[in-house]
Protein backbone atom coordinates (compact mmCIF):
# COMPACT_ATOMS: atom_id res chain seq x y z
CA UNK A 1 -15.11 -21.63 -47.53
CA UNK A 2 -17.97 -19.22 -47.26
CA UNK A 3 -21.24 -19.78 -45.41
CA UNK A 4 -22.63 -21.60 -48.45
CA UNK A 5 -19.59 -23.94 -48.46
CA UNK A 6 -18.05 -22.52 -51.64
CA UNK A 7 -14.26 -22.43 -51.85
CA UNK A 8 -13.34 -18.75 -51.66
CA UNK A 9 -9.71 -18.92 -52.69
CA UNK A 10 -6.51 -20.86 -52.41
CA UNK A 11 -3.11 -19.99 -50.96
CA UNK A 12 -0.45 -22.06 -52.66
CA UNK A 13 3.28 -22.36 -52.28
CA UNK A 14 3.53 -20.47 -55.57
CA UNK A 15 1.55 -17.56 -54.07
CA UNK A 16 3.90 -17.38 -51.09
CA UNK A 17 7.05 -17.63 -53.21
CA UNK A 18 5.78 -14.98 -55.65
CA UNK A 19 4.93 -12.66 -52.73
CA UNK A 20 8.45 -12.87 -51.32
CA UNK A 21 10.05 -12.60 -54.73
CA UNK A 22 8.09 -9.46 -55.61
CA UNK A 23 8.56 -7.96 -52.15
CA UNK A 24 12.31 -8.15 -52.59
CA UNK A 25 12.10 -6.71 -56.11
CA UNK A 26 13.27 -9.94 -57.70
CA UNK A 27 11.74 -10.04 -61.15
CA UNK A 28 13.50 -13.08 -62.58
CA UNK A 29 12.73 -13.79 -66.26
CA UNK A 30 11.04 -17.10 -65.44
CA UNK A 31 8.45 -15.29 -63.28
CA UNK A 32 7.15 -13.05 -66.04
CA UNK A 33 4.57 -12.19 -67.20
CA UNK A 34 3.01 -10.78 -64.08
CA UNK A 35 -0.67 -11.36 -63.44
CA UNK A 36 -2.78 -8.38 -62.29
CA UNK A 37 -3.13 -9.76 -58.75
CA UNK A 38 0.66 -10.24 -58.45
CA UNK A 39 1.05 -6.53 -57.83
CA UNK A 40 -0.93 -6.73 -54.57
CA UNK A 41 0.80 -9.86 -53.22
CA UNK A 42 3.94 -8.19 -51.80
CA UNK A 43 1.81 -6.23 -49.31
CA UNK A 44 -0.41 -9.18 -48.30
CA UNK A 45 -0.51 -9.90 -44.57
CA UNK A 46 -3.42 -12.35 -44.47
CA UNK A 47 -4.45 -15.46 -46.38
CA UNK A 48 -7.42 -13.53 -47.75
CA UNK A 49 -5.15 -10.88 -49.22
CA UNK A 50 -2.75 -13.43 -50.69
CA UNK A 51 -5.10 -16.12 -51.97
CA UNK A 52 -5.66 -16.76 -55.63
CA UNK A 53 -9.24 -16.02 -56.60
CA UNK A 54 -11.43 -17.37 -57.88
CA UNK A 55 -10.38 -20.77 -56.60
CA UNK A 56 -10.17 -23.25 -59.44
CA UNK A 57 -11.91 -26.43 -58.31
CA UNK A 58 -13.04 -29.71 -59.80
CA UNK A 59 -16.13 -31.70 -58.99
CA UNK A 60 -15.73 -35.07 -57.32
CA UNK A 61 -17.25 -36.83 -60.33
CA UNK A 62 -14.87 -35.25 -62.88
CA UNK A 63 -12.71 -37.65 -64.84
CA UNK A 64 -8.94 -37.43 -64.45
CA UNK A 65 -8.51 -36.09 -68.01
CA UNK A 66 -11.08 -33.37 -67.20
CA UNK A 67 -9.18 -32.46 -64.04
CA UNK A 68 -5.87 -32.37 -65.93
CA UNK A 69 -7.32 -30.12 -68.66
CA UNK A 70 -8.76 -27.77 -66.01
CA UNK A 71 -5.39 -27.52 -64.30
CA UNK A 72 -3.60 -26.86 -67.60
CA UNK A 73 -6.17 -24.33 -68.76
CA UNK A 74 -5.92 -22.32 -65.53
CA UNK A 75 -2.20 -22.83 -64.95
CA UNK A 76 -2.63 -24.30 -61.46
CA UNK A 77 -0.85 -27.14 -59.67
CA UNK A 78 -3.44 -27.66 -56.96
CA UNK A 79 -7.08 -28.45 -57.56
CA UNK A 80 -9.48 -28.67 -54.61
CA UNK A 81 -12.14 -31.35 -55.12
CA UNK A 82 -15.69 -30.31 -54.23
CA UNK A 83 -19.00 -32.14 -53.90
CA UNK A 84 -20.91 -32.93 -57.06
CA UNK A 85 -23.97 -31.25 -55.55
CA UNK A 86 -23.83 -27.50 -54.74
CA UNK A 87 -23.94 -26.53 -51.07
């Protein structure tokens, strides 16, 4: 989180697996297509270099169908929940 308490990014298991897979040159068919930030992941040494940005979040007052649609739309399996009020 930044100084204003906004989620800056998210490191997921998928990020770590993709990093190792790309580092070793393993481009399995199920991993394609590559996203633009995938090309920088093999060299990442810190969470900041590896994290997915922007972080996809959901507000605490979102309905479950809204959260599910957000996850599907952005292709994520993790969804940090944030306060309904900014800051």
